[in-house]
Amino acid sequence: ILLVFNDCGSVFKKLKKEESRDFGKLYNYGRHYGITCINLLQDTMQIQKEFRTAAHNNFFTEAVAAKKYFSARDSVTKDTEKKAQECISKILNDPQNYSSYYKLLYDKNLGN
């Protein structure tokens, strides 16, 4: 099962409330039951740290969002942040790549 949440950043702030506890369980433990959640966000800082750090794969389409994510360092080490900033500069900030629609993937399990 694939659940796609499009532009729901503001909704995630409400998920810590008692009535949203079941959704939090689904979001955090759904993978054990074959459920995958994908969030399409303009700013990863719109969601709480516990949801942000639970993500195993992050795709970035713009340098600003990627820089914010890695500079917050709540999900990555300082070394990973440094490597990520280099990749952001080479991939997302390079004007030659704008028309090619290059994206950046961070795989938490691989650490790169």
Protein backbone atom coordinates (compact mmCIF):
# COMPACT_ATOMS: atom_id res chain seq x y z
CA ILE A 1 0.00 0.00 0.00
CA LEU A 2 1.33 3.43 -0.92
CA LEU A 3 0.01 6.56 0.78
CA VAL A 4 0.97 9.89 -0.80
CA PHE A 5 0.51 13.08 1.22
CA ASN A 6 0.73 16.14 -1.00
CA ASP A 7 1.49 19.51 0.56
CA CYS A 8 0.29 18.47 4.02
CA GLY A 9 3.07 20.05 6.07
CA SER A 10 0.73 22.07 8.25
CA VAL A 11 -1.34 18.98 9.07
CA PHE A 12 1.67 17.18 10.55
CA LYS A 13 1.86 19.75 13.35
CA LYS A 14 -1.50 18.52 14.61
CA LEU A 15 -0.54 14.85 14.64
CA LYS A 16 0.80 14.80 18.19
CA LYS A 17 -2.67 15.33 19.57
CA GLU A 18 -4.44 12.44 21.25
CA GLU A 19 -6.97 11.94 18.44
CA SER A 20 -4.13 11.57 15.92
CA ARG A 21 -2.23 8.85 17.77
CA ASP A 22 -3.39 6.13 15.36
CA PHE A 23 -2.12 8.09 12.39
CA GLY A 24 1.27 8.45 14.07
CA LYS A 25 1.43 4.69 14.53
CA LEU A 26 0.49 4.14 10.90
CA TYR A 27 3.09 6.64 9.76
CA ASN A 28 5.92 5.32 11.95
CA TYR A 29 5.20 1.59 11.93
CA GLY A 30 3.28 1.08 8.69
CA ARG A 31 6.36 -0.32 6.95
CA HIS A 32 6.04 -3.43 9.13
CA TYR A 33 2.67 -4.04 7.46
CA GLY A 34 3.66 -3.23 3.88
CA ILE A 35 2.54 0.41 4.01
CA THR A 36 4.77 3.11 2.54
CA CYS A 37 4.16 6.82 3.11
CA ILE A 38 5.43 9.51 0.77
CA ASN A 39 5.28 13.18 1.70
CA LEU A 40 5.48 15.87 -0.94
CA LEU A 41 6.59 18.99 0.93
CA GLN A 42 7.96 22.37 0.02
CA ASP A 43 9.84 22.58 3.31
CA THR A 44 10.88 19.57 5.39
CA MET A 45 10.89 21.76 8.49
CA GLN A 46 7.07 21.83 8.30
CA ILE A 47 6.94 18.41 9.95
CA GLN A 48 8.07 17.43 13.43
CA LYS A 49 11.52 16.04 14.00
CA GLU A 50 10.19 12.55 14.85
CA PHE A 51 8.51 12.25 11.44
CA ARG A 52 11.38 13.92 9.58
CA THR A 53 14.00 11.60 11.07
CA ALA A 54 11.86 8.51 10.40
CA ALA A 55 12.17 9.00 6.64
CA HIS A 56 14.63 6.61 5.03
CA ASN A 57 14.73 8.29 1.63
CA ASN A 58 14.57 11.99 0.92
CA PHE A 59 14.32 13.40 -2.60
CA PHE A 60 15.15 17.06 -3.05
CA THR A 61 14.17 19.09 -6.09
CA GLU A 62 15.50 22.46 -4.92
CA ALA A 63 18.70 23.52 -3.20
CA VAL A 64 16.93 25.65 -0.57
CA ALA A 65 14.93 22.72 0.84
CA ALA A 66 17.95 20.41 0.77
CA LYS A 67 20.18 22.94 2.54
CA LYS A 68 17.58 23.46 5.28
CA TYR A 69 17.21 19.74 5.86
CA PHE A 70 20.92 19.03 6.15
CA SER A 71 21.82 22.17 8.08
CA ALA A 72 19.24 21.30 10.78
CA ARG A 73 21.42 18.26 11.49
CA ASP A 74 18.73 16.49 13.47
CA SER A 75 18.82 13.59 11.01
CA VAL A 76 22.45 13.53 9.87
CA THR A 77 25.98 13.75 11.21
CA LYS A 78 28.19 16.76 10.62
CA ASP A 79 30.24 14.74 8.10
CA THR A 80 27.09 13.79 6.16
CA GLU A 81 25.98 17.41 6.19
CA LYS A 82 29.32 18.45 4.68
CA LYS A 83 29.05 15.83 1.92
CA ALA A 84 25.45 16.82 1.27
CA GLN A 85 26.33 20.51 0.92
CA GLU A 86 28.95 19.56 -1.69
CA CYS A 87 26.39 17.52 -3.61
CA ILE A 88 23.82 20.31 -3.41
CA SER A 89 26.34 22.73 -4.89
CA LYS A 90 27.32 20.35 -7.69
CA ILE A 91 23.85 19.03 -8.53
CA LEU A 92 21.10 21.45 -7.52
CA ASN A 93 22.94 24.79 -7.64
CA ASP A 94 24.64 24.27 -10.99
CA PRO A 95 22.81 26.36 -13.63
CA GLN A 96 23.75 23.82 -16.31
CA ASN A 97 21.57 21.26 -14.53
CA TYR A 98 18.42 23.39 -14.29
CA SER A 99 17.02 22.28 -17.63
CA SER A 100 17.91 18.64 -16.94
CA TYR A 101 15.68 18.44 -13.86
CA TYR A 102 18.35 16.80 -11.71
CA LYS A 103 17.25 15.71 -8.25
CA LEU A 104 19.14 14.76 -5.12
CA LEU A 105 18.39 11.56 -3.17
CA TYR A 106 19.53 11.04 0.40
CA ASP A 107 19.26 7.41 1.52
CA LYS A 108 19.43 7.26 5.31
CA ASN A 109 20.35 3.57 5.30
CA LEU A 110 23.39 4.18 3.11
CA GLY A 111 24.27 7.46 4.80
CA ASN A 112 24.76 9.18 1.46
